[in-house]
Each structure stands twice: as C-alpha cells, then as structure tokens.
Amino acid sequence: MANLYEGGTGQVEDYGGDGGSSGGTPAPGPQPPQQGYAPPPSSGTQTSSPAAPKPPSGPLAGLPQYRLAQMQDLVTQWEQLIGYQGTVSDQLLANIVNNYTISDIYDVAQYLKGNMGSAWTNMSIQPWAWYGMSATEYNSKLASYRSTWSQLTGTELPANDGNGNLVDQALKQYQGQMSDTQFQQWLMSQDSIKNTYGWLKYGLNFDQFQQQKQTMNLAFGRSLTDTEGVTQLQYLHSATGPLMSVANQPTFTQQEKKAANVGISDSVAR
C-alpha cells in the first residue's frame, strides 16, 4: 500500500521490497506444486502367479510329457467308445506310454482288450472297442462283410469272438479298417476257406456254382451234392490244364463221367 507523507511538495510512494529499484520487474509469485505419478492406493491384497501344475506321481512319474499327453488323449477317446464303462489305471497308462509300438487308437484298443481284465465290465458285448471303432462304424462294416461272405459261400458269417476267428483275423489285417473289397480279396487268398468252399478255387461264387451244378444234375440225371459238384469241377479242370491237382478222383461211373464231360465242359469256368 502506498504511504503518503505530508510536508513535502509531492507524494512519495513506498512499494517495499529489498531496497532495489522501484522500476524493476516484480518478483514471481508462488508456483503450483509439480504433478508427478502417484501409484494407486493399495487395496490390501496382493496378486500372485498361477501355481505350476504338479508333476505326475506314482506310475506316471518321470514319463516323457509329450508322449504321456498323446497317449492320455487316445485313452480318453477309447473310453468314450465304451461309454466310460471301464477305468484305465495309471499303471496301464504308463505301460502304454512305455510301449512305443502303440501309436494310434487301434493299438490302444488291442492292448486294453488284452490287459484290462475285469476293469472293462462290458468287454464281451462291446466288440467295436476291440478295434478302436464306434459301434456304428463296426456294425456297418460287419453288415458288408456278411453280405460278401454269403455271396461267396452261401452260409452265414461266423460270429466274431475277438480271439482269432475269421472276422477278428480280417479286421486285424488293416487295423480295423478293412473295406468290403479288401475283405473279399482276403477271403479268396485263404487256402483254408477255399478248401472248405471248393468252388472258390475256380473263381465261382455260391450262386454261380449252383448254376454249374444244375447243368451237372441234368448230365448225371440226379442231384449232386456240393462235394460231388466240386469234385467234378476238379476233374474237369485237371483234364483241361494243370490248374489244380486231383487229390480225390470223383466216385462216378465212366458213363457218368462221359456224360458230364459232354454236358458241362463248355460251361465250366476255366
């Protein structure tokens, strides 16, 4: 504030300060506090990193993790096929992991079929799982096999017992993936089957053989059995070329043989 002194010829203004010139720049006023980063207030709790998964213990301890995960996935897929009606123990899983011949679900299925025992309660009524198939896939494949077998032999396809019988052998040829065409080719390559159904040796299916037999029956004047018909096929083929050696000559009279040769030699498949 200005102070006014009387007694002079004028007024003197006193602005205070440090004695400096009255005509200088005023001193700067106080500055606002500088704004810096302040961390958010603590909530009182601290976040922590997720706990690392515990390493496998027991029979699974020390197994290669990639191989273990791969086999666990296959076992889970297989358990789905049986509707979880069986439990694969850690020991069985460890055995699978350590058996490097096992690489797919078919291999897993075959191993478990032979090693689960009573832990697989419905083993006998879940044959699809013996080969790592679904029930739908297995039943469809079996239906096509039945049709092929009946066409070739004229009989019913034997039931699959899973222990080395006909269907079990066939399915194992291609790890459960044998097609109908492959099944037929496989049957025609089996000597035991061709010996049982002798017409197969000459490239005939059951219906074709029966047609040949009708001609034979007319030639012989009576109905021949299947065994007699096959024997006659064998006799005729041995007479026309070395396609099949004659193990048992047919028990026909010379007159029957002559009549048969005249009547059917041109119609028998060579």
C-alpha atoms as a PDB file:
ATOM      1  CA  MET A   1       0.000   0.000   0.000  1.00  0.00           C
ATOM      2  CA  ALA A   2       1.290   3.491  -0.733  1.00  0.00           C
ATOM      3  CA  ASN A   3       2.257   5.674   2.251  1.00  0.00           C
ATOM      4  CA  LEU A   4       1.644   9.401   1.906  1.00  0.00           C
ATOM      5  CA  TYR A   5       3.940  11.773   3.731  1.00  0.00           C
ATOM      6  CA  GLU A   6       2.908  15.340   4.331  1.00  0.00           C
ATOM      7  CA  GLY A   7       5.194  18.274   4.452  1.00  0.00           C
ATOM      8  CA  GLY A   8       6.745  17.799   1.091  1.00  0.00           C
ATOM      9  CA  THR A   9       5.989  19.122  -2.219  1.00  0.00           C
ATOM     10  CA  GLY A  10       4.732  15.879  -3.501  1.00  0.00           C
ATOM     11  CA  GLN A  11       3.794  12.372  -2.604  1.00  0.00           C
ATOM     12  CA  VAL A  12       6.284   9.546  -2.083  1.00  0.00           C
ATOM     13  CA  GLU A  13       5.157   6.033  -2.783  1.00  0.00           C
ATOM     14  CA  ASP A  14       6.798   3.176  -0.917  1.00  0.00           C
ATOM     15  CA  TYR A  15       6.404  -0.241  -2.591  1.00  0.00           C
ATOM     16  CA  GLY A  16       8.559  -2.046  -0.101  1.00  0.00           C
ATOM     17  CA  GLY A  17      10.813  -4.791  -1.385  1.00  0.00           C
ATOM     18  CA  ASP A  18      14.504  -5.400  -0.836  1.00  0.00           C
ATOM     19  CA  GLY A  19      15.646  -1.907  -1.473  1.00  0.00           C
ATOM     20  CA  GLY A  20      16.026  -2.324  -5.116  1.00  0.00           C
ATOM     21  CA  SER A  21      14.980  -0.004  -7.814  1.00  0.00           C
ATOM     22  CA  SER A  22      11.396   0.867  -7.808  1.00  0.00           C
ATOM     23  CA  GLY A  23      11.195   0.459 -11.502  1.00  0.00           C
ATOM     24  CA  GLY A  24      12.251  -3.269 -11.664  1.00  0.00           C
ATOM     25  CA  THR A  25      10.216  -6.381 -12.629  1.00  0.00           C
ATOM     26  CA  PRO A  26       8.071  -7.692  -9.800  1.00  0.00           C
ATOM     27  CA  ALA A  27       9.215 -10.971  -8.181  1.00  0.00           C
ATOM     28  CA  PRO A  28       7.328 -14.040  -9.373  1.00  0.00           C
ATOM     29  CA  GLY A  29       4.564 -15.341  -7.163  1.00  0.00           C
ATOM     30  CA  PRO A  30       4.462 -18.829  -5.645  1.00  0.00           C
ATOM     31  CA  GLN A  31       4.324 -21.745  -8.213  1.00  0.00           C
ATOM     32  CA  PRO A  32       1.776 -24.636  -8.025  1.00  0.00           C
ATOM     33  CA  PRO A  33       3.216 -27.967  -6.869  1.00  0.00           C
ATOM     34  CA  GLN A  34       4.638 -30.136  -9.690  1.00  0.00           C
ATOM     35  CA  GLN A  35       2.328 -33.008 -10.758  1.00  0.00           C
ATOM     36  CA  GLY A  36       4.095 -36.399 -10.647  1.00  0.00           C
ATOM     37  CA  TYR A  37       2.990 -40.128 -10.938  1.00  0.00           C
ATOM     38  CA  ALA A  38       1.459 -41.495  -7.819  1.00  0.00           C
ATOM     39  CA  PRO A  39       0.687 -45.273  -7.576  1.00  0.00           C
ATOM     40  CA  PRO A  40      -2.920 -46.219  -6.937  1.00  0.00           C
ATOM     41  CA  PRO A  41      -3.794 -46.807  -3.349  1.00  0.00           C
ATOM     42  CA  SER A  42      -3.230 -50.339  -2.232  1.00  0.00           C
ATOM     43  CA  SER A  43      -6.319 -52.492  -1.746  1.00  0.00           C
ATOM     44  CA  GLY A  44      -4.594 -54.510   0.901  1.00  0.00           C
ATOM     45  CA  THR A  45      -4.363 -57.706  -1.260  1.00  0.00           C
ATOM     46  CA  GLN A  46      -1.547 -58.901  -3.493  1.00  0.00           C
ATOM     47  CA  THR A  47      -1.972 -60.813  -6.773  1.00  0.00           C
ATOM     48  CA  SER A  48       0.135 -63.957  -7.291  1.00  0.00           C
ATOM     49  CA  SER A  49       1.109 -66.007 -10.353  1.00  0.00           C
ATOM     50  CA  PRO A  50      -0.876 -69.209 -11.078  1.00  0.00           C
ATOM     51  CA  ALA A  51       0.548 -72.223  -9.370  1.00  0.00           C
ATOM     52  CA  ALA A  52       2.553 -74.500 -11.662  1.00  0.00           C
ATOM     53  CA  PRO A  53       0.871 -77.871 -12.360  1.00  0.00           C
ATOM     54  CA  LYS A  54       2.090 -80.651 -10.163  1.00  0.00           C
ATOM     55  CA  PRO A  55       4.265 -83.210 -11.937  1.00  0.00           C
ATOM     56  CA  PRO A  56       2.726 -86.683 -12.340  1.00  0.00           C
ATOM     57  CA  SER A  57       3.280 -89.032  -9.471  1.00  0.00           C
ATOM     58  CA  GLY A  58       3.136 -92.774  -9.000  1.00  0.00           C
ATOM     59  CA  PRO A  59       3.487 -94.915 -12.173  1.00  0.00           C
ATOM     60  CA  LEU A  60       3.303 -91.789 -14.356  1.00  0.00           C
ATOM     61  CA  ALA A  61       6.245 -90.035 -12.659  1.00  0.00           C
ATOM     62  CA  GLY A  62       9.191 -89.302 -14.911  1.00  0.00           C
ATOM     63  CA  LEU A  63       7.471 -90.259 -18.166  1.00  0.00           C
ATOM     64  CA  PRO A  64       8.078 -88.094 -21.264  1.00  0.00           C
ATOM     65  CA  GLN A  65       5.420 -85.407 -21.055  1.00  0.00           C
ATOM     66  CA  TYR A  66       4.673 -85.203 -24.782  1.00  0.00           C
ATOM     67  CA  ARG A  67       4.262 -88.963 -25.100  1.00  0.00           C
ATOM     68  CA  LEU A  68       2.166 -89.102 -21.922  1.00  0.00           C
ATOM     69  CA  ALA A  69      -0.192 -86.376 -23.169  1.00  0.00           C
ATOM     70  CA  GLN A  70      -0.538 -88.097 -26.542  1.00  0.00           C
ATOM     71  CA  MET A  71      -1.419 -91.460 -25.023  1.00  0.00           C
ATOM     72  CA  GLN A  72      -3.765 -89.895 -22.466  1.00  0.00           C
ATOM     73  CA  ASP A  73      -5.707 -88.346 -25.334  1.00  0.00           C
ATOM     74  CA  LEU A  74      -6.008 -91.713 -27.140  1.00  0.00           C
ATOM     75  CA  VAL A  75      -7.107 -93.438 -23.950  1.00  0.00           C
ATOM     76  CA  THR A  76      -9.766 -90.772 -23.397  1.00  0.00           C
ATOM     77  CA  GLN A  77     -11.062 -91.283 -26.948  1.00  0.00           C
ATOM     78  CA  TRP A  78     -11.182 -95.028 -26.321  1.00  0.00           C
ATOM     79  CA  GLU A  79     -13.025 -94.611 -23.023  1.00  0.00           C
ATOM     80  CA  GLN A  80     -15.675 -92.633 -24.907  1.00  0.00           C
ATOM     81  CA  LEU A  81     -16.184 -95.619 -27.238  1.00  0.00           C
ATOM     82  CA  ILE A  82     -17.181 -97.824 -24.308  1.00  0.00           C
ATOM     83  CA  GLY A  83     -19.304 -95.175 -22.617  1.00  0.00           C
ATOM     84  CA  TYR A  84     -16.802 -94.911 -19.781  1.00  0.00           C
ATOM     85  CA  GLN A  85     -17.763 -98.421 -18.666  1.00  0.00           C
ATOM     86  CA  GLY A  86     -14.197 -99.145 -17.661  1.00  0.00           C
ATOM     87  CA  THR A  87     -11.322 -97.427 -15.911  1.00  0.00           C
ATOM     88  CA  VAL A  88      -7.804 -97.337 -17.318  1.00  0.00           C
ATOM     89  CA  SER A  89      -5.469 -97.325 -14.351  1.00  0.00           C
ATOM     90  CA  ASP A  90      -2.337 -95.186 -14.129  1.00  0.00           C
ATOM     91  CA  GLN A  91      -0.274 -98.355 -14.350  1.00  0.00           C
ATOM     92  CA  LEU A  92      -1.950 -99.400 -17.623  1.00  0.00           C
ATOM     93  CA  LEU A  93      -1.472 -95.896 -18.983  1.00  0.00           C
ATOM     94  CA  ALA A  94       2.202 -95.985 -18.016  1.00  0.00           C
ATOM     95  CA  ASN A  95       2.581 -99.335 -19.771  1.00  0.00           C
ATOM     96  CA  ILE A  96       1.028 -97.843 -22.910  1.00  0.00           C
ATOM     97  CA  VAL A  97       3.341 -94.825 -22.770  1.00  0.00           C
ATOM     98  CA  ASN A  98       6.392 -97.071 -22.435  1.00  0.00           C
ATOM     99  CA  ASN A  99       5.298 -99.378 -25.290  1.00  0.00           C
ATOM    100  CA  TYR A 100       6.400 -97.486 -28.388  1.00  0.00           C
ATOM    101  CA  THR A 101       4.719 -99.976 -30.736  1.00  0.00           C
ATOM    102  CA  ILE A 102       1.454 -98.319 -29.647  1.00  0.00           C
ATOM    103  CA  SER A 103       0.803 -95.288 -31.830  1.00  0.00           C
ATOM    104  CA  ASP A 104      -2.942 -94.990 -32.541  1.00  0.00           C
ATOM    105  CA  ILE A 105      -6.361 -95.796 -31.104  1.00  0.00           C
ATOM    106  CA  TYR A 106      -6.411 -99.264 -32.696  1.00  0.00           C
ATOM    107  CA  ASP A 107      -3.174-100.140 -30.877  1.00  0.00           C
ATOM    108  CA  VAL A 108      -4.553 -98.748 -27.616  1.00  0.00           C
ATOM    109  CA  ALA A 109      -7.768-100.776 -28.054  1.00  0.00           C
ATOM    110  CA  GLN A 110      -5.917-104.020 -28.721  1.00  0.00           C
ATOM    111  CA  TYR A 111      -3.641-103.513 -25.730  1.00  0.00           C
ATOM    112  CA  LEU A 112      -6.508-102.741 -23.364  1.00  0.00           C
ATOM    113  CA  LYS A 113      -8.545-105.688 -24.645  1.00  0.00           C
ATOM    114  CA  GLY A 114      -5.740-107.973 -23.620  1.00  0.00           C
ATOM    115  CA  ASN A 115      -4.836-106.294 -20.341  1.00  0.00           C
ATOM    116  CA  MET A 116      -7.830-104.619 -18.681  1.00  0.00           C
ATOM    117  CA  GLY A 117      -9.474-107.786 -17.455  1.00  0.00           C
ATOM    118  CA  SER A 118     -12.442-107.214 -15.139  1.00  0.00           C
ATOM    119  CA  ALA A 119     -11.859-103.461 -15.165  1.00  0.00           C
ATOM    120  CA  TRP A 120     -13.675-103.435 -18.526  1.00  0.00           C
ATOM    121  CA  THR A 121     -17.031-104.730 -17.399  1.00  0.00           C
ATOM    122  CA  ASN A 122     -18.720-104.943 -20.821  1.00  0.00           C
ATOM    123  CA  MET A 123     -15.805-106.204 -22.898  1.00  0.00           C
ATOM    124  CA  SER A 124     -17.699-109.164 -24.375  1.00  0.00           C
ATOM    125  CA  ILE A 125     -20.607-107.042 -25.637  1.00  0.00           C
ATOM    126  CA  GLN A 126     -18.596-104.088 -26.959  1.00  0.00           C
ATOM    127  CA  PRO A 127     -16.643-105.668 -29.854  1.00  0.00           C
ATOM    128  CA  TRP A 128     -16.316-102.364 -31.703  1.00  0.00           C
ATOM    129  CA  ALA A 129     -13.999-101.102 -28.977  1.00  0.00           C
ATOM    130  CA  TRP A 130     -11.660-104.069 -29.550  1.00  0.00           C
ATOM    131  CA  TYR A 131     -10.575-102.303 -32.743  1.00  0.00           C
ATOM    132  CA  GLY A 132     -10.925 -98.662 -31.721  1.00  0.00           C
ATOM    133  CA  MET A 133     -14.184 -98.173 -33.684  1.00  0.00           C
ATOM    134  CA  SER A 134     -17.525 -96.677 -32.823  1.00  0.00           C
ATOM    135  CA  ALA A 135     -20.487 -99.058 -32.593  1.00  0.00           C
ATOM    136  CA  THR A 136     -21.987 -97.543 -35.757  1.00  0.00           C
ATOM    137  CA  GLU A 137     -18.804 -97.991 -37.773  1.00  0.00           C
ATOM    138  CA  TYR A 138     -18.322-101.571 -36.577  1.00  0.00           C
ATOM    139  CA  ASN A 139     -21.905-102.687 -37.266  1.00  0.00           C
ATOM    140  CA  SER A 140     -21.835-101.135 -40.736  1.00  0.00           C
ATOM    141  CA  LYS A 141     -18.592-102.915 -41.567  1.00  0.00           C
ATOM    142  CA  LEU A 142     -19.908-106.206 -40.216  1.00  0.00           C
ATOM    143  CA  ALA A 143     -23.063-105.945 -42.354  1.00  0.00           C
ATOM    144  CA  SER A 144     -20.982-105.544 -45.522  1.00  0.00           C
ATOM    145  CA  TYR A 145     -18.795-108.499 -44.508  1.00  0.00           C
ATOM    146  CA  ARG A 146     -21.881-110.668 -44.009  1.00  0.00           C
ATOM    147  CA  SER A 147     -23.130-109.809 -47.482  1.00  0.00           C
ATOM    148  CA  THR A 148     -19.799-110.647 -49.113  1.00  0.00           C
ATOM    149  CA  TRP A 149     -19.393-113.873 -47.155  1.00  0.00           C
ATOM    150  CA  SER A 150     -22.907-115.047 -48.026  1.00  0.00           C
ATOM    151  CA  GLN A 151     -22.380-114.269 -51.716  1.00  0.00           C
ATOM    152  CA  LEU A 152     -19.168-116.298 -51.812  1.00  0.00           C
ATOM    153  CA  THR A 153     -20.092-119.248 -49.583  1.00  0.00           C
ATOM    154  CA  GLY A 154     -23.882-119.363 -49.281  1.00  0.00           C
ATOM    155  CA  THR A 155     -23.570-119.513 -45.487  1.00  0.00           C
ATOM    156  CA  GLU A 156     -23.867-117.167 -42.506  1.00  0.00           C
ATOM    157  CA  LEU A 157     -20.791-115.247 -41.430  1.00  0.00           C
ATOM    158  CA  PRO A 158     -19.405-116.757 -38.205  1.00  0.00           C
ATOM    159  CA  ALA A 159     -19.795-114.588 -35.116  1.00  0.00           C
ATOM    160  CA  ASN A 160     -16.759-112.595 -34.067  1.00  0.00           C
ATOM    161  CA  ASP A 161     -15.271-113.851 -30.817  1.00  0.00           C
ATOM    162  CA  GLY A 162     -12.321-111.484 -30.962  1.00  0.00           C
ATOM    163  CA  ASN A 163      -9.869-114.315 -30.398  1.00  0.00           C
ATOM    164  CA  GLY A 164      -8.535-115.115 -33.840  1.00  0.00           C
ATOM    165  CA  ASN A 165     -11.623-116.329 -35.639  1.00  0.00           C
ATOM    166  CA  LEU A 166     -12.496-115.284 -39.195  1.00  0.00           C
ATOM    167  CA  VAL A 167     -13.814-111.750 -38.609  1.00  0.00           C
ATOM    168  CA  ASP A 168     -11.191-110.989 -35.978  1.00  0.00           C
ATOM    169  CA  GLN A 169      -8.407-112.037 -38.354  1.00  0.00           C
ATOM    170  CA  ALA A 170      -9.862-109.954 -41.167  1.00  0.00           C
ATOM    171  CA  LEU A 171     -10.237-106.817 -39.090  1.00  0.00           C
ATOM    172  CA  LYS A 172      -6.690-107.086 -37.820  1.00  0.00           C
ATOM    173  CA  GLN A 173      -5.309-107.132 -41.366  1.00  0.00           C
ATOM    174  CA  TYR A 174      -5.837-103.390 -41.755  1.00  0.00           C
ATOM    175  CA  GLN A 175      -6.067-102.366 -38.098  1.00  0.00           C
ATOM    176  CA  GLY A 176      -9.864-102.451 -38.194  1.00  0.00           C
ATOM    177  CA  GLN A 177     -10.153-100.530 -41.470  1.00  0.00           C
ATOM    178  CA  MET A 178     -10.509-103.381 -43.991  1.00  0.00           C
ATOM    179  CA  SER A 179     -13.013-102.445 -46.706  1.00  0.00           C
ATOM    180  CA  ASP A 180     -15.568-104.819 -48.203  1.00  0.00           C
ATOM    181  CA  THR A 181     -13.451-105.224 -51.348  1.00  0.00           C
ATOM    182  CA  GLN A 182     -10.347-105.934 -49.278  1.00  0.00           C
ATOM    183  CA  PHE A 183     -12.340-108.445 -47.239  1.00  0.00           C
ATOM    184  CA  GLN A 184     -13.335-110.326 -50.384  1.00  0.00           C
ATOM    185  CA  GLN A 185      -9.756-110.344 -51.671  1.00  0.00           C
ATOM    186  CA  TRP A 186      -8.519-111.568 -48.315  1.00  0.00           C
ATOM    187  CA  LEU A 187     -11.052-114.413 -48.233  1.00  0.00           C
ATOM    188  CA  MET A 188     -10.029-115.536 -51.708  1.00  0.00           C
ATOM    189  CA  SER A 189      -6.400-115.684 -50.575  1.00  0.00           C
ATOM    190  CA  GLN A 190      -7.090-118.071 -47.675  1.00  0.00           C
ATOM    191  CA  ASP A 191      -6.412-121.714 -48.566  1.00  0.00           C
ATOM    192  CA  SER A 192      -8.460-122.984 -45.634  1.00  0.00           C
ATOM    193  CA  ILE A 193     -11.517-121.137 -46.908  1.00  0.00           C
ATOM    194  CA  LYS A 194     -11.038-122.257 -50.497  1.00  0.00           C
ATOM    195  CA  ASN A 195     -10.620-125.849 -49.354  1.00  0.00           C
ATOM    196  CA  THR A 196     -13.875-125.644 -47.400  1.00  0.00           C
ATOM    197  CA  TYR A 197     -15.803-123.966 -50.207  1.00  0.00           C
ATOM    198  CA  GLY A 198     -14.099-125.638 -53.127  1.00  0.00           C
ATOM    199  CA  TRP A 199     -15.876-123.710 -55.894  1.00  0.00           C
ATOM    200  CA  LEU A 200     -13.900-120.623 -54.852  1.00  0.00           C
ATOM    201  CA  LYS A 201     -10.782-122.288 -56.268  1.00  0.00           C
ATOM    202  CA  TYR A 202     -12.300-121.958 -59.718  1.00  0.00           C
ATOM    203  CA  GLY A 203     -13.403-118.354 -59.399  1.00  0.00           C
ATOM    204  CA  LEU A 204     -17.059-119.156 -58.767  1.00  0.00           C
ATOM    205  CA  ASN A 205     -19.251-117.645 -56.075  1.00  0.00           C
ATOM    206  CA  PHE A 206     -22.009-119.716 -54.497  1.00  0.00           C
ATOM    207  CA  ASP A 207     -24.782-118.805 -56.982  1.00  0.00           C
ATOM    208  CA  GLN A 208     -22.512-119.389 -59.972  1.00  0.00           C
ATOM    209  CA  PHE A 209     -21.555-122.782 -58.582  1.00  0.00           C
ATOM    210  CA  GLN A 210     -25.210-123.723 -58.122  1.00  0.00           C
ATOM    211  CA  GLN A 211     -25.867-122.827 -61.751  1.00  0.00           C
ATOM    212  CA  GLN A 212     -22.999-125.109 -62.789  1.00  0.00           C
ATOM    213  CA  LYS A 213     -24.465-127.848 -60.621  1.00  0.00           C
ATOM    214  CA  GLN A 214     -27.822-127.571 -62.388  1.00  0.00           C
ATOM    215  CA  THR A 215     -26.054-128.436 -65.618  1.00  0.00           C
ATOM    216  CA  MET A 216     -24.256-131.289 -63.888  1.00  0.00           C
ATOM    217  CA  ASN A 217     -27.540-132.612 -62.495  1.00  0.00           C
ATOM    218  CA  LEU A 218     -29.037-132.709 -65.953  1.00  0.00           C
ATOM    219  CA  ALA A 219     -25.978-134.516 -67.279  1.00  0.00           C
ATOM    220  CA  PHE A 220     -25.961-137.102 -64.492  1.00  0.00           C
ATOM    221  CA  GLY A 221     -29.692-137.454 -64.200  1.00  0.00           C
ATOM    222  CA  ARG A 222     -29.667-136.809 -60.457  1.00  0.00           C
ATOM    223  CA  SER A 223     -28.904-134.063 -57.944  1.00  0.00           C
ATOM    224  CA  LEU A 224     -25.261-133.836 -56.985  1.00  0.00           C
ATOM    225  CA  THR A 225     -24.158-132.716 -53.565  1.00  0.00           C
ATOM    226  CA  ASP A 226     -21.893-129.694 -53.233  1.00  0.00           C
ATOM    227  CA  THR A 227     -18.982-132.016 -52.528  1.00  0.00           C
ATOM    228  CA  GLU A 228     -19.707-134.039 -55.678  1.00  0.00           C
ATOM    229  CA  GLY A 229     -20.080-130.863 -57.700  1.00  0.00           C
ATOM    230  CA  VAL A 230     -16.701-129.559 -56.527  1.00  0.00           C
ATOM    231  CA  THR A 231     -15.101-132.921 -57.253  1.00  0.00           C
ATOM    232  CA  GLN A 232     -16.498-132.803 -60.774  1.00  0.00           C
ATOM    233  CA  LEU A 233     -15.146-129.271 -61.237  1.00  0.00           C
ATOM    234  CA  GLN A 234     -11.768-130.523 -60.097  1.00  0.00           C
ATOM    235  CA  TYR A 235     -11.878-133.464 -62.514  1.00  0.00           C
ATOM    236  CA  LEU A 236     -12.835-131.271 -65.461  1.00  0.00           C
ATOM    237  CA  HIS A 237     -10.163-128.688 -64.709  1.00  0.00           C
ATOM    238  CA  SER A 238      -7.481-131.338 -64.306  1.00  0.00           C
ATOM    239  CA  ALA A 239      -8.469-132.662 -67.719  1.00  0.00           C
ATOM    240  CA  THR A 240      -8.087-129.241 -69.346  1.00  0.00           C
ATOM    241  CA  GLY A 241      -4.915-127.945 -67.706  1.00  0.00           C
ATOM    242  CA  PRO A 242      -2.651-128.009 -64.647  1.00  0.00           C
ATOM    243  CA  LEU A 243      -4.770-125.502 -62.709  1.00  0.00           C
ATOM    244  CA  MET A 244      -5.433-127.848 -59.829  1.00  0.00           C
ATOM    245  CA  SER A 245      -4.012-131.232 -58.939  1.00  0.00           C
ATOM    246  CA  VAL A 246      -6.514-134.019 -58.394  1.00  0.00           C
ATOM    247  CA  ALA A 247      -6.465-135.092 -54.774  1.00  0.00           C
ATOM    248  CA  ASN A 248      -9.591-137.253 -54.923  1.00  0.00           C
ATOM    249  CA  GLN A 249     -10.968-138.578 -58.124  1.00  0.00           C
ATOM    250  CA  PRO A 250     -14.787-138.371 -58.277  1.00  0.00           C
ATOM    251  CA  THR A 251     -16.713-141.515 -57.471  1.00  0.00           C
ATOM    252  CA  PHE A 252     -18.686-141.508 -60.707  1.00  0.00           C
ATOM    253  CA  THR A 253     -19.037-144.292 -63.231  1.00  0.00           C
ATOM    254  CA  GLN A 254     -17.311-143.971 -66.555  1.00  0.00           C
ATOM    255  CA  GLN A 255     -20.696-143.404 -68.173  1.00  0.00           C
ATOM    256  CA  GLU A 256     -21.404-140.534 -65.748  1.00  0.00           C
ATOM    257  CA  LYS A 257     -18.011-139.018 -66.400  1.00  0.00           C
ATOM    258  CA  LYS A 258     -18.545-139.185 -70.143  1.00  0.00           C
ATOM    259  CA  ALA A 259     -21.998-137.659 -69.868  1.00  0.00           C
ATOM    260  CA  ALA A 260     -20.707-134.914 -67.591  1.00  0.00           C
ATOM    261  CA  ASN A 261     -17.856-134.058 -69.931  1.00  0.00           C
ATOM    262  CA  VAL A 262     -20.218-133.739 -72.854  1.00  0.00           C
ATOM    263  CA  GLY A 263     -22.815-131.765 -70.912  1.00  0.00           C
ATOM    264  CA  ILE A 264     -20.793-129.209 -68.954  1.00  0.00           C
ATOM    265  CA  SER A 265     -17.232-128.959 -70.205  1.00  0.00           C
ATOM    266  CA  ASP A 266     -18.047-125.861 -72.199  1.00  0.00           C
ATOM    267  CA  SER A 267     -19.826-124.106 -69.358  1.00  0.00           C
ATOM    268  CA  VAL A 268     -17.377-124.592 -66.505  1.00  0.00           C
ATOM    269  CA  ALA A 269     -15.282-121.510 -65.718  1.00  0.00           C
ATOM    270  CA  ARG A 270     -11.664-122.178 -66.622  1.00  0.00           C
END
